[in-house]
């Protein structure tokens, strides 16, 4: 009887570990088929905008912001969900972008600790305060990005050249599957 109880305990422990192996977005593990993951987001209130073979676009609210676009990305061969990107609304001024970026960065830092790496700079001839920050951003002469390595994956918060703040969630296991599948495709071609 003790042996059965011990085996049952080990089995339950292994199940609980297995349930925690994936990064979560909105409480949903980033795993399984990309269309199934998108359906789970739809079931909690997001609206499907568009889809392709391995990518789904949805819209809704996130982190207190309305009208965000969510991109769910799958691997190239098996369509395994491995990445979720949150695109906030486009901004007209750099100061509004930076304010939103700093606000989200603080929220993520409060939850996960300080970012592993963080960059915020302009590339010559541009500099913050010159009045040409948005031009620098569009010309890829501006970097505002912070990297978090957390259990089960990676997070980035950035200001993109699309004049939007973007948050990326990338599941570690799914990312490894993506790398293997991409390498397989390349090796098949060469």
Foldseek 3Di string as FASTA:
>chain_A
DVVVVVVVVVVVVVVVVVVPQADDDPNHGQWDAQVVVVVVVVVVPWAWDDDDDQKTWTAADDPHAHTKIKIFGAADPRSITFKIKIWGDADDDVVVQVVVLVVVQVVVCVVQNHFPDWDWAFAPPDGPPPVCVLVSQLVVRTWGKTWHADRQWIWMWTQHNSRTIMIMTGGPVRVVVNVVRVVVVVVVVD
